[in-house]
Amino acid sequence: MNDIVPRKSITSYATQAAGGIIGGIILMSLRDLRFLPALIVGAIIGLAGYGISRSRDDRTVGLIIGGAGILTIFAGIPILGGLAGFLMVVSGIGLIASGAVSLFRFFKGLRSRQ
């Protein structure tokens, strides 16, 4: 039976898909930054994640963004760069996969509304 998916769920899936895919691409591209740019960009991302995590609804998203900021800082440190870079690629692939699942749910929800 095809139940109609609520509009709020569909827009949530679209937002999660865009955030996951774009965030994964950005995370994978930040792994090659040198020390000072990695420190600055990582601090900005970490502070943005902290600001977002203060909201009860967005706590998980904020913690993920904060973790990405910390990984960006660690990727700029020569000794830790290899491990942090690897974790950034794995996390980026996970975000892209999560975004793809949300994109599938978005199109499935749109289809049920027709």
PDB file of N, CA and C in Angstrom:
ATOM      1  N   MET A   1       0.830  -1.166   0.000  1.00  0.00           N
ATOM      2  CA  MET A   1       0.000   0.000   0.000  1.00  0.00           C
ATOM      3  C   MET A   1       0.879   1.235   0.000  1.00  0.00           C
ATOM      4  N   ASN A   2       0.549   2.211  -0.817  1.00  0.00           N
ATOM      5  CA  ASN A   2       1.320   3.444  -0.891  1.00  0.00           C
ATOM      6  C   ASN A   2       0.728   4.492   0.035  1.00  0.00           C
ATOM      7  N   ASP A   3       1.389   4.736   1.148  1.00  0.00           N
ATOM      8  CA  ASP A   3       0.969   5.806   2.036  1.00  0.00           C
ATOM      9  C   ASP A   3       1.657   7.088   1.594  1.00  0.00           C
ATOM     10  N   ILE A   4       0.962   8.188   1.754  1.00  0.00           N
ATOM     11  CA  ILE A   4       1.533   9.478   1.380  1.00  0.00           C
ATOM     12  C   ILE A   4       2.511   9.910   2.469  1.00  0.00           C
ATOM     13  N   VAL A   5       3.735  10.231   2.048  1.00  0.00           N
ATOM     14  CA  VAL A   5       4.776  10.676   2.975  1.00  0.00           C
ATOM     15  C   VAL A   5       4.545  12.153   3.264  1.00  0.00           C
ATOM     16  N   PRO A   6       4.565  12.562   4.531  1.00  0.00           N
ATOM     17  CA  PRO A   6       4.336  13.974   4.860  1.00  0.00           C
ATOM     18  C   PRO A   6       5.406  14.882   4.247  1.00  0.00           C
ATOM     19  N   ARG A   7       4.985  16.102   3.942  1.00  0.00           N
ATOM     20  CA  ARG A   7       5.872  17.076   3.317  1.00  0.00           C
ATOM     21  C   ARG A   7       7.097  17.356   4.193  1.00  0.00           C
ATOM     22  N   LYS A   8       6.906  17.387   5.502  1.00  0.00           N
ATOM     23  CA  LYS A   8       8.022  17.667   6.415  1.00  0.00           C
ATOM     24  C   LYS A   8       9.101  16.592   6.298  1.00  0.00           C
ATOM     25  N   SER A   9       8.700  15.341   6.154  1.00  0.00           N
ATOM     26  CA  SER A   9       9.666  14.249   5.994  1.00  0.00           C
ATOM     27  C   SER A   9      10.415  14.367   4.678  1.00  0.00           C
ATOM     28  N   ILE A  10       9.697  14.735   3.632  1.00  0.00           N
ATOM     29  CA  ILE A  10      10.330  14.856   2.320  1.00  0.00           C
ATOM     30  C   ILE A  10      11.372  15.973   2.329  1.00  0.00           C
ATOM     31  N   THR A  11      11.032  17.117   2.916  1.00  0.00           N
ATOM     32  CA  THR A  11      12.010  18.211   2.966  1.00  0.00           C
ATOM     33  C   THR A  11      13.181  17.839   3.875  1.00  0.00           C
ATOM     34  N   SER A  12      12.936  17.073   4.925  1.00  0.00           N
ATOM     35  CA  SER A  12      14.016  16.614   5.792  1.00  0.00           C
ATOM     36  C   SER A  12      14.963  15.692   5.028  1.00  0.00           C
ATOM     37  N   TYR A  13      14.419  14.788   4.227  1.00  0.00           N
ATOM     38  CA  TYR A  13      15.257  13.903   3.420  1.00  0.00           C
ATOM     39  C   TYR A  13      16.091  14.694   2.422  1.00  0.00           C
ATOM     40  N   ALA A  14      15.489  15.711   1.802  1.00  0.00           N
ATOM     41  CA  ALA A  14      16.227  16.513   0.828  1.00  0.00           C
ATOM     42  C   ALA A  14      17.365  17.273   1.500  1.00  0.00           C
ATOM     43  N   THR A  15      17.115  17.828   2.672  1.00  0.00           N
ATOM     44  CA  THR A  15      18.154  18.552   3.400  1.00  0.00           C
ATOM     45  C   THR A  15      19.271  17.616   3.833  1.00  0.00           C
ATOM     46  N   GLN A  16      18.912  16.445   4.334  1.00  0.00           N
ATOM     47  CA  GLN A  16      19.920  15.471   4.747  1.00  0.00           C
ATOM     48  C   GLN A  16      20.744  14.990   3.559  1.00  0.00           C
ATOM     49  N   ALA A  17      20.096  14.823   2.411  1.00  0.00           N
ATOM     50  CA  ALA A  17      20.816  14.372   1.214  1.00  0.00           C
ATOM     51  C   ALA A  17      21.824  15.419   0.772  1.00  0.00           C
ATOM     52  N   ALA A  18      21.394  16.669   0.701  1.00  0.00           N
ATOM     53  CA  ALA A  18      22.306  17.735   0.272  1.00  0.00           C
ATOM     54  C   ALA A  18      23.442  17.902   1.268  1.00  0.00           C
ATOM     55  N   GLY A  19      23.127  17.904   2.549  1.00  0.00           N
ATOM     56  CA  GLY A  19      24.157  18.058   3.570  1.00  0.00           C
ATOM     57  C   GLY A  19      25.150  16.916   3.569  1.00  0.00           C
ATOM     58  N   GLY A  20      24.673  15.699   3.423  1.00  0.00           N
ATOM     59  CA  GLY A  20      25.551  14.541   3.418  1.00  0.00           C
ATOM     60  C   GLY A  20      26.479  14.503   2.219  1.00  0.00           C
ATOM     61  N   ILE A  21      25.931  14.722   1.046  1.00  0.00           N
ATOM     62  CA  ILE A  21      26.743  14.653  -0.173  1.00  0.00           C
ATOM     63  C   ILE A  21      27.742  15.803  -0.226  1.00  0.00           C
ATOM     64  N   ILE A  22      27.280  17.018   0.014  1.00  0.00           N
ATOM     65  CA  ILE A  22      28.177  18.183  -0.028  1.00  0.00           C
ATOM     66  C   ILE A  22      29.191  18.119   1.107  1.00  0.00           C
ATOM     67  N   GLY A  23      28.740  17.753   2.303  1.00  0.00           N
ATOM     68  CA  GLY A  23      29.652  17.645   3.439  1.00  0.00           C
ATOM     69  C   GLY A  23      30.724  16.591   3.226  1.00  0.00           C
ATOM     70  N   GLY A  24      30.372  15.471   2.637  1.00  0.00           N
ATOM     71  CA  GLY A  24      31.354  14.424   2.355  1.00  0.00           C
ATOM     72  C   GLY A  24      32.412  14.870   1.361  1.00  0.00           C
ATOM     73  N   ILE A  25      31.982  15.569   0.331  1.00  0.00           N
ATOM     74  CA  ILE A  25      32.928  16.075  -0.668  1.00  0.00           C
ATOM     75  C   ILE A  25      33.862  17.104  -0.039  1.00  0.00           C
ATOM     76  N   ILE A  26      33.309  18.006   0.753  1.00  0.00           N
ATOM     77  CA  ILE A  26      34.136  19.027   1.410  1.00  0.00           C
ATOM     78  C   ILE A  26      35.110  18.383   2.390  1.00  0.00           C
ATOM     79  N   LEU A  27      34.642  17.421   3.160  1.00  0.00           N
ATOM     80  CA  LEU A  27      35.504  16.765   4.145  1.00  0.00           C
ATOM     81  C   LEU A  27      36.678  16.066   3.467  1.00  0.00           C
ATOM     82  N   MET A  28      36.417  15.395   2.359  1.00  0.00           N
ATOM     83  CA  MET A  28      37.509  14.723   1.661  1.00  0.00           C
ATOM     84  C   MET A  28      38.479  15.711   1.029  1.00  0.00           C
ATOM     85  N   SER A  29      38.005  16.876   0.631  1.00  0.00           N
ATOM     86  CA  SER A  29      38.904  17.851   0.014  1.00  0.00           C
ATOM     87  C   SER A  29      39.734  18.614   1.051  1.00  0.00           C
ATOM     88  N   LEU A  30      39.310  18.660   2.307  1.00  0.00           N
ATOM     89  CA  LEU A  30      40.049  19.383   3.339  1.00  0.00           C
ATOM     90  C   LEU A  30      41.242  18.603   3.890  1.00  0.00           C
ATOM     91  N   ARG A  31      41.381  17.350   3.547  1.00  0.00           N
ATOM     92  CA  ARG A  31      42.448  16.547   4.129  1.00  0.00           C
ATOM     93  C   ARG A  31      43.836  16.934   3.641  1.00  0.00           C
ATOM     94  N   ASP A  32      43.940  17.675   2.553  1.00  0.00           N
ATOM     95  CA  ASP A  32      45.235  18.034   1.982  1.00  0.00           C
ATOM     96  C   ASP A  32      45.726  19.410   2.394  1.00  0.00           C
ATOM     97  N   LEU A  33      45.078  20.052   3.344  1.00  0.00           N
ATOM     98  CA  LEU A  33      45.523  21.370   3.786  1.00  0.00           C
ATOM     99  C   LEU A  33      46.810  21.265   4.597  1.00  0.00           C
ATOM    100  N   ARG A  34      47.649  22.287   4.508  1.00  0.00           N
ATOM    101  CA  ARG A  34      48.874  22.350   5.309  1.00  0.00           C
ATOM    102  C   ARG A  34      48.545  22.799   6.723  1.00  0.00           C
ATOM    103  N   PHE A  35      49.560  22.918   7.586  1.00  0.00           N
ATOM    104  CA  PHE A  35      49.348  23.127   9.012  1.00  0.00           C
ATOM    105  C   PHE A  35      48.534  24.379   9.343  1.00  0.00           C
ATOM    106  N   LEU A  36      48.988  25.564   8.930  1.00  0.00           N
ATOM    107  CA  LEU A  36      48.299  26.797   9.320  1.00  0.00           C
ATOM    108  C   LEU A  36      46.895  26.905   8.728  1.00  0.00           C
ATOM    109  N   PRO A  37      46.718  26.661   7.421  1.00  0.00           N
ATOM    110  CA  PRO A  37      45.333  26.689   6.910  1.00  0.00           C
ATOM    111  C   PRO A  37      44.439  25.625   7.552  1.00  0.00           C
ATOM    112  N   ALA A  38      45.007  24.446   7.825  1.00  0.00           N
ATOM    113  CA  ALA A  38      44.218  23.389   8.477  1.00  0.00           C
ATOM    114  C   ALA A  38      43.813  23.810   9.877  1.00  0.00           C
ATOM    115  N   LEU A  39      44.711  24.482  10.582  1.00  0.00           N
ATOM    116  CA  LEU A  39      44.404  24.958  11.927  1.00  0.00           C
ATOM    117  C   LEU A  39      43.279  25.997  11.908  1.00  0.00           C
ATOM    118  N   ILE A  40      43.362  26.938  10.979  1.00  0.00           N
ATOM    119  CA  ILE A  40      42.354  28.007  10.888  1.00  0.00           C
ATOM    120  C   ILE A  40      41.003  27.438  10.450  1.00  0.00           C
ATOM    121  N   VAL A  41      40.999  26.672   9.359  1.00  0.00           N
ATOM    122  CA  VAL A  41      39.739  26.121   8.838  1.00  0.00           C
ATOM    123  C   VAL A  41      39.129  25.139   9.841  1.00  0.00           C
ATOM    124  N   GLY A  42      39.965  24.296  10.442  1.00  0.00           N
ATOM    125  CA  GLY A  42      39.469  23.340  11.430  1.00  0.00           C
ATOM    126  C   GLY A  42      38.862  24.024  12.642  1.00  0.00           C
ATOM    127  N   ALA A  43      39.501  25.116  13.090  1.00  0.00           N
ATOM    128  CA  ALA A  43      38.950  25.859  14.233  1.00  0.00           C
ATOM    129  C   ALA A  43      37.605  26.488  13.877  1.00  0.00           C
ATOM    130  N   ILE A  44      37.498  27.031  12.685  1.00  0.00           N
ATOM    131  CA  ILE A  44      36.225  27.636  12.261  1.00  0.00           C
ATOM    132  C   ILE A  44      35.131  26.571  12.177  1.00  0.00           C
ATOM    133  N   ILE A  45      35.456  25.425  11.593  1.00  0.00           N
ATOM    134  CA  ILE A  45      34.475  24.347  11.476  1.00  0.00           C
ATOM    135  C   ILE A  45      34.089  23.820  12.863  1.00  0.00           C
ATOM    136  N   GLY A  46      35.082  23.662  13.738  1.00  0.00           N
ATOM    137  CA  GLY A  46      34.804  23.179  15.093  1.00  0.00           C
ATOM    138  C   GLY A  46      33.918  24.133  15.876  1.00  0.00           C
ATOM    139  N   LEU A  47      34.199  25.428  15.773  1.00  0.00           N
ATOM    140  CA  LEU A  47      33.364  26.415  16.472  1.00  0.00           C
ATOM    141  C   LEU A  47      31.951  26.462  15.894  1.00  0.00           C
ATOM    142  N   ALA A  48      31.839  26.305  14.578  1.00  0.00           N
ATOM    143  CA  ALA A  48      30.502  26.263  13.964  1.00  0.00           C
ATOM    144  C   ALA A  48      29.736  25.040  14.470  1.00  0.00           C
ATOM    145  N   GLY A  49      30.416  23.913  14.564  1.00  0.00           N
ATOM    146  CA  GLY A  49      29.779  22.702  15.092  1.00  0.00           C
ATOM    147  C   GLY A  49      29.341  22.875  16.533  1.00  0.00           C
ATOM    148  N   TYR A  50      30.180  23.548  17.335  1.00  0.00           N
ATOM    149  CA  TYR A  50      29.816  23.809  18.722  1.00  0.00           C
ATOM    150  C   TYR A  50      28.578  24.709  18.790  1.00  0.00           C
ATOM    151  N   GLY A  51      28.539  25.718  17.943  1.00  0.00           N
ATOM    152  CA  GLY A  51      27.382  26.617  17.920  1.00  0.00           C
ATOM    153  C   GLY A  51      26.107  25.907  17.518  1.00  0.00           C
ATOM    154  N   ILE A  52      26.211  25.003  16.555  1.00  0.00           N
ATOM    155  CA  ILE A  52      25.042  24.255  16.101  1.00  0.00           C
ATOM    156  C   ILE A  52      24.599  23.261  17.165  1.00  0.00           C
ATOM    157  N   SER A  53      25.554  22.653  17.871  1.00  0.00           N
ATOM    158  CA  SER A  53      25.209  21.604  18.836  1.00  0.00           C
ATOM    159  C   SER A  53      24.512  22.141  20.079  1.00  0.00           C
ATOM    160  N   ARG A  54      24.500  23.431  20.264  1.00  0.00           N
ATOM    161  CA  ARG A  54      23.809  23.991  21.426  1.00  0.00           C
ATOM    162  C   ARG A  54      22.295  23.854  21.307  1.00  0.00           C
ATOM    163  N   SER A  55      21.791  23.733  20.089  1.00  0.00           N
ATOM    164  CA  SER A  55      20.363  23.509  19.874  1.00  0.00           C
ATOM    165  C   SER A  55      20.054  22.033  20.131  1.00  0.00           C
ATOM    166  N   ARG A  56      18.998  21.756  20.835  1.00  0.00           N
ATOM    167  CA  ARG A  56      18.654  20.376  21.183  1.00  0.00           C
ATOM    168  C   ARG A  56      18.350  19.538  19.941  1.00  0.00           C
ATOM    169  N   ASP A  57      17.703  20.123  18.946  1.00  0.00           N
ATOM    170  CA  ASP A  57      17.336  19.374  17.744  1.00  0.00           C
ATOM    171  C   ASP A  57      18.537  19.043  16.871  1.00  0.00           C
ATOM    172  N   ASP A  58      19.543  19.902  16.874  1.00  0.00           N
ATOM    173  CA  ASP A  58      20.688  19.748  15.977  1.00  0.00           C
ATOM    174  C   ASP A  58      21.953  19.288  16.697  1.00  0.00           C
ATOM    175  N   ARG A  59      21.821  18.669  17.844  1.00  0.00           N
ATOM    176  CA  ARG A  59      22.993  18.284  18.636  1.00  0.00           C
ATOM    177  C   ARG A  59      23.877  17.281  17.891  1.00  0.00           C
ATOM    178  N   THR A  60      23.292  16.262  17.282  1.00  0.00           N
ATOM    179  CA  THR A  60      24.075  15.247  16.583  1.00  0.00           C
ATOM    180  C   THR A  60      24.813  15.845  15.396  1.00  0.00           C
ATOM    181  N   VAL A  61      24.118  16.656  14.627  1.00  0.00           N
ATOM    182  CA  VAL A  61      24.743  17.305  13.469  1.00  0.00           C
ATOM    183  C   VAL A  61      25.888  18.195  13.918  1.00  0.00           C
ATOM    184  N   GLY A  62      25.684  18.933  14.987  1.00  0.00           N
ATOM    185  CA  GLY A  62      26.730  19.815  15.500  1.00  0.00           C
ATOM    186  C   GLY A  62      27.947  19.047  15.970  1.00  0.00           C
ATOM    187  N   LEU A  63      27.738  17.908  16.618  1.00  0.00           N
ATOM    188  CA  LEU A  63      28.864  17.096  17.065  1.00  0.00           C
ATOM    189  C   LEU A  63      29.630  16.503  15.890  1.00  0.00           C
ATOM    190  N   ILE A  64      28.927  16.123  14.843  1.00  0.00           N
ATOM    191  CA  ILE A  64      29.589  15.606  13.637  1.00  0.00           C
ATOM    192  C   ILE A  64      30.419  16.704  12.983  1.00  0.00           C
ATOM    193  N   ILE A  65      29.869  17.895  12.902  1.00  0.00           N
ATOM    194  CA  ILE A  65      30.611  19.015  12.319  1.00  0.00           C
ATOM    195  C   ILE A  65      31.815  19.369  13.189  1.00  0.00           C
ATOM    196  N   GLY A  66      31.641  19.363  14.497  1.00  0.00           N
ATOM    197  CA  GLY A  66      32.767  19.618  15.396  1.00  0.00           C
ATOM    198  C   GLY A  66      33.867  18.576  15.245  1.00  0.00           C
ATOM    199  N   GLY A  67      33.481  17.323  15.110  1.00  0.00           N
ATOM    200  CA  GLY A  67      34.453  16.257  14.878  1.00  0.00           C
ATOM    201  C   GLY A  67      35.200  16.426  13.569  1.00  0.00           C
ATOM    202  N   ALA A  68      34.483  16.905  12.549  1.00  0.00           N
ATOM    203  CA  ALA A  68      35.140  17.174  11.267  1.00  0.00           C
ATOM    204  C   ALA A  68      36.160  18.296  11.414  1.00  0.00           C
ATOM    205  N   GLY A  69      35.853  19.291  12.234  1.00  0.00           N
ATOM    206  CA  GLY A  69      36.799  20.374  12.482  1.00  0.00           C
ATOM    207  C   GLY A  69      38.048  19.872  13.187  1.00  0.00           C
ATOM    208  N   ILE A  70      37.864  19.012  14.167  1.00  0.00           N
ATOM    209  CA  ILE A  70      39.014  18.453  14.887  1.00  0.00           C
ATOM    210  C   ILE A  70      39.853  17.582  13.958  1.00  0.00           C
ATOM    211  N   LEU A  71      39.210  16.778  13.124  1.00  0.00           N
ATOM    212  CA  LEU A  71      39.953  15.963  12.160  1.00  0.00           C
ATOM    213  C   LEU A  71      40.722  16.836  11.174  1.00  0.00           C
ATOM    214  N   THR A  72      40.140  17.963  10.782  1.00  0.00           N
ATOM    215  CA  THR A  72      40.827  18.877   9.865  1.00  0.00           C
ATOM    216  C   THR A  72      42.088  19.437  10.516  1.00  0.00           C
ATOM    217  N   ILE A  73      41.991  19.789  11.782  1.00  0.00           N
ATOM    218  CA  ILE A  73      43.177  20.277  12.500  1.00  0.00           C
ATOM    219  C   ILE A  73      44.234  19.177  12.568  1.00  0.00           C
ATOM    220  N   PHE A  74      43.836  17.965  12.938  1.00  0.00           N
ATOM    221  CA  PHE A  74      44.784  16.861  13.048  1.00  0.00           C
ATOM    222  C   PHE A  74      45.397  16.496  11.696  1.00  0.00           C
ATOM    223  N   ALA A  75      44.642  16.648  10.616  1.00  0.00           N
ATOM    224  CA  ALA A  75      45.170  16.328   9.286  1.00  0.00           C
ATOM    225  C   ALA A  75      46.301  17.272   8.892  1.00  0.00           C
ATOM    226  N   GLY A  76      46.318  18.487   9.442  1.00  0.00           N
ATOM    227  CA  GLY A  76      47.385  19.438   9.138  1.00  0.00           C
ATOM    228  C   GLY A  76      48.662  19.180   9.899  1.00  0.00           C
ATOM    229  N   ILE A  77      48.616  18.385  10.957  1.00  0.00           N
ATOM    230  CA  ILE A  77      49.811  18.056  11.738  1.00  0.00           C
ATOM    231  C   ILE A  77      50.534  16.917  11.018  1.00  0.00           C
ATOM    232  N   PRO A  78      51.814  17.130  10.674  1.00  0.00           N
ATOM    233  CA  PRO A  78      52.517  16.123   9.857  1.00  0.00           C
ATOM    234  C   PRO A  78      52.534  14.715  10.453  1.00  0.00           C
ATOM    235  N   ILE A  79      52.694  14.575  11.759  1.00  0.00           N
ATOM    236  CA  ILE A  79      52.782  13.242  12.362  1.00  0.00           C
ATOM    237  C   ILE A  79      51.432  12.532  12.339  1.00  0.00           C
ATOM    238  N   LEU A  80      50.358  13.272  12.574  1.00  0.00           N
ATOM    239  CA  LEU A  80      49.021  12.679  12.630  1.00  0.00           C
ATOM    240  C   LEU A  80      48.271  12.764  11.306  1.00  0.00           C
ATOM    241  N   GLY A  81      48.853  13.440  10.318  1.00  0.00           N
ATOM    242  CA  GLY A  81      48.152  13.718   9.067  1.00  0.00           C
ATOM    243  C   GLY A  81      47.685  12.490   8.323  1.00  0.00           C
ATOM    244  N   GLY A  82      48.503  11.433   8.313  1.00  0.00           N
ATOM    245  CA  GLY A  82      48.125  10.232   7.568  1.00  0.00           C
ATOM    246  C   GLY A  82      46.895   9.555   8.133  1.00  0.00           C
ATOM    247  N   LEU A  83      46.876   9.377   9.441  1.00  0.00           N
ATOM    248  CA  LEU A  83      45.729   8.726  10.078  1.00  0.00           C
ATOM    249  C   LEU A  83      44.483   9.604   9.994  1.00  0.00           C
ATOM    250  N   ALA A  84      44.650  10.889  10.270  1.00  0.00           N
ATOM    251  CA  ALA A  84      43.497  11.802  10.211  1.00  0.00           C
ATOM    252  C   ALA A  84      42.973  11.917   8.780  1.00  0.00           C
ATOM    253  N   GLY A  85      43.889  11.961   7.806  1.00  0.00           N
ATOM    254  CA  GLY A  85      43.461  12.014   6.404  1.00  0.00           C
ATOM    255  C   GLY A  85      42.676  10.779   6.010  1.00  0.00           C
ATOM    256  N   PHE A  86      43.129   9.611   6.474  1.00  0.00           N
ATOM    257  CA  PHE A  86      42.406   8.377   6.204  1.00  0.00           C
ATOM    258  C   PHE A  86      41.018   8.416   6.829  1.00  0.00           C
ATOM    259  N   LEU A  87      40.930   8.870   8.080  1.00  0.00           N
ATOM    260  CA  LEU A  87      39.627   8.964   8.748  1.00  0.00           C
ATOM    261  C   LEU A  87      38.711   9.965   8.051  1.00  0.00           C
ATOM    262  N   MET A  88      39.302  11.025   7.492  1.00  0.00           N
ATOM    263  CA  MET A  88      38.481  12.003   6.775  1.00  0.00           C
ATOM    264  C   MET A  88      37.907  11.407   5.495  1.00  0.00           C
ATOM    265  N   VAL A  89      38.703  10.603   4.797  1.00  0.00           N
ATOM    266  CA  VAL A  89      38.202   9.952   3.578  1.00  0.00           C
ATOM    267  C   VAL A  89      37.101   8.958   3.926  1.00  0.00           C
ATOM    268  N   VAL A  90      37.318   8.158   4.954  1.00  0.00           N
ATOM    269  CA  VAL A  90      36.304   7.177   5.359  1.00  0.00           C
ATOM    270  C   VAL A  90      35.024   7.896   5.804  1.00  0.00           C
ATOM    271  N   SER A  91      35.177   8.976   6.575  1.00  0.00           N
ATOM    272  CA  SER A  91      34.010   9.746   7.022  1.00  0.00           C
ATOM    273  C   SER A  91      33.310  10.412   5.847  1.00  0.00           C
ATOM    274  N   GLY A  92      34.078  10.920   4.902  1.00  0.00           N
ATOM    275  CA  GLY A  92      33.490  11.540   3.714  1.00  0.00           C
ATOM    276  C   GLY A  92      32.687  10.551   2.897  1.00  0.00           C
ATOM    277  N   ILE A  93      33.228   9.346   2.740  1.00  0.00           N
ATOM    278  CA  ILE A  93      32.497   8.301   2.014  1.00  0.00           C
ATOM    279  C   ILE A  93      31.218   7.931   2.763  1.00  0.00           C
ATOM    280  N   GLY A  94      31.309   7.856   4.096  1.00  0.00           N
ATOM    281  CA  GLY A  94      30.115   7.574   4.897  1.00  0.00           C
ATOM    282  C   GLY A  94      29.056   8.651   4.759  1.00  0.00           C
ATOM    283  N   LEU A  95      29.491   9.929   4.753  1.00  0.00           N
ATOM    284  CA  LEU A  95      28.532  11.019   4.578  1.00  0.00           C
ATOM    285  C   LEU A  95      27.884  10.982   3.200  1.00  0.00           C
ATOM    286  N   ILE A  96      28.672  10.697   2.178  1.00  0.00           N
ATOM    287  CA  ILE A  96      28.116  10.611   0.824  1.00  0.00           C
ATOM    288  C   ILE A  96      27.123   9.450   0.737  1.00  0.00           C
ATOM    289  N   ALA A  97      27.450   8.303   1.337  1.00  0.00           N
ATOM    290  CA  ALA A  97      26.527   7.162   1.334  1.00  0.00           C
ATOM    291  C   ALA A  97      25.244   7.498   2.087  1.00  0.00           C
ATOM    292  N   SER A  98      25.385   8.168   3.221  1.00  0.00           N
ATOM    293  CA  SER A  98      24.211   8.587   3.985  1.00  0.00           C
ATOM    294  C   SER A  98      23.356   9.570   3.179  1.00  0.00           C
ATOM    295  N   GLY A  99      24.010  10.480   2.482  1.00  0.00           N
ATOM    296  CA  GLY A  99      23.290  11.419   1.632  1.00  0.00           C
ATOM    297  C   GLY A  99      22.580  10.719   0.481  1.00  0.00           C
ATOM    298  N   ALA A 100      23.211   9.685  -0.063  1.00  0.00           N
ATOM    299  CA  ALA A 100      22.590   8.936  -1.154  1.00  0.00           C
ATOM    300  C   ALA A 100      21.343   8.198  -0.674  1.00  0.00           C
ATOM    301  N   VAL A 101      21.398   7.637   0.529  1.00  0.00           N
ATOM    302  CA  VAL A 101      20.223   6.964   1.095  1.00  0.00           C
ATOM    303  C   VAL A 101      19.090   7.973   1.308  1.00  0.00           C
ATOM    304  N   SER A 102      19.430   9.149   1.830  1.00  0.00           N
ATOM    305  CA  SER A 102      18.410  10.187   2.029  1.00  0.00           C
ATOM    306  C   SER A 102      17.850  10.666   0.701  1.00  0.00           C
ATOM    307  N   LEU A 103      18.696  10.734  -0.321  1.00  0.00           N
ATOM    308  CA  LEU A 103      18.221  11.126  -1.651  1.00  0.00           C
ATOM    309  C   LEU A 103      17.253  10.089  -2.206  1.00  0.00           C
ATOM    310  N   PHE A 104      17.553   8.815  -1.990  1.00  0.00           N
ATOM    311  CA  PHE A 104      16.649   7.746  -2.406  1.00  0.00           C
ATOM    312  C   PHE A 104      15.308   7.867  -1.684  1.00  0.00           C
ATOM    313  N   ARG A 105      15.351   8.130  -0.362  1.00  0.00           N
ATOM    314  CA  ARG A 105      14.110   8.293   0.405  1.00  0.00           C
ATOM    315  C   ARG A 105      13.330   9.510  -0.069  1.00  0.00           C
ATOM    316  N   PHE A 106      14.048  10.573  -0.443  1.00  0.00           N
ATOM    317  CA  PHE A 106      13.398  11.774  -0.954  1.00  0.00           C
ATOM    318  C   PHE A 106      12.618  11.460  -2.224  1.00  0.00           C
ATOM    319  N   PHE A 107      13.267  10.806  -3.183  1.00  0.00           N
ATOM    320  CA  PHE A 107      12.580  10.486  -4.433  1.00  0.00           C
ATOM    321  C   PHE A 107      11.456   9.473  -4.218  1.00  0.00           C
ATOM    322  N   LYS A 108      11.644   8.548  -3.304  1.00  0.00           N
ATOM    323  CA  LYS A 108      10.592   7.587  -2.982  1.00  0.00           C
ATOM    324  C   LYS A 108       9.385   8.305  -2.363  1.00  0.00           C
ATOM    325  N   GLY A 109       9.655   9.298  -1.485  1.00  0.00           N
ATOM    326  CA  GLY A 109       8.578  10.072  -0.899  1.00  0.00           C
ATOM    327  C   GLY A 109       7.853  10.923  -1.908  1.00  0.00           C
ATOM    328  N   LEU A 110       8.611  11.514  -2.848  1.00  0.00           N
ATOM    329  CA  LEU A 110       7.966  12.291  -3.906  1.00  0.00           C
ATOM    330  C   LEU A 110       7.066  11.415  -4.763  1.00  0.00           C
ATOM    331  N   ARG A 111       7.552  10.231  -5.039  1.00  0.00           N
ATOM    332  CA  ARG A 111       6.805   9.308  -5.866  1.00  0.00           C
ATOM    333  C   ARG A 111       5.474   8.917  -5.196  1.00  0.00           C
ATOM    334  N   SER A 112       5.494   8.770  -3.867  1.00  0.00           N
ATOM    335  CA  SER A 112       4.286   8.356  -3.154  1.00  0.00           C
ATOM    336  C   SER A 112       3.238   9.478  -3.123  1.00  0.00           C
ATOM    337  N   ARG A 113       3.655  10.701  -3.342  1.00  0.00           N
ATOM    338  CA  ARG A 113       2.721  11.817  -3.304  1.00  0.00           C
ATOM    339  C   ARG A 113       1.988  12.008  -4.630  1.00  0.00           C
ATOM    340  N   GLN A 114       2.417  11.316  -5.674  1.00  0.00           N
ATOM    341  CA  GLN A 114       1.767  11.480  -6.978  1.00  0.00           C
ATOM    342  C   GLN A 114       0.588  10.580  -7.141  1.00  0.00           C
TER     343      GLN A 114
END
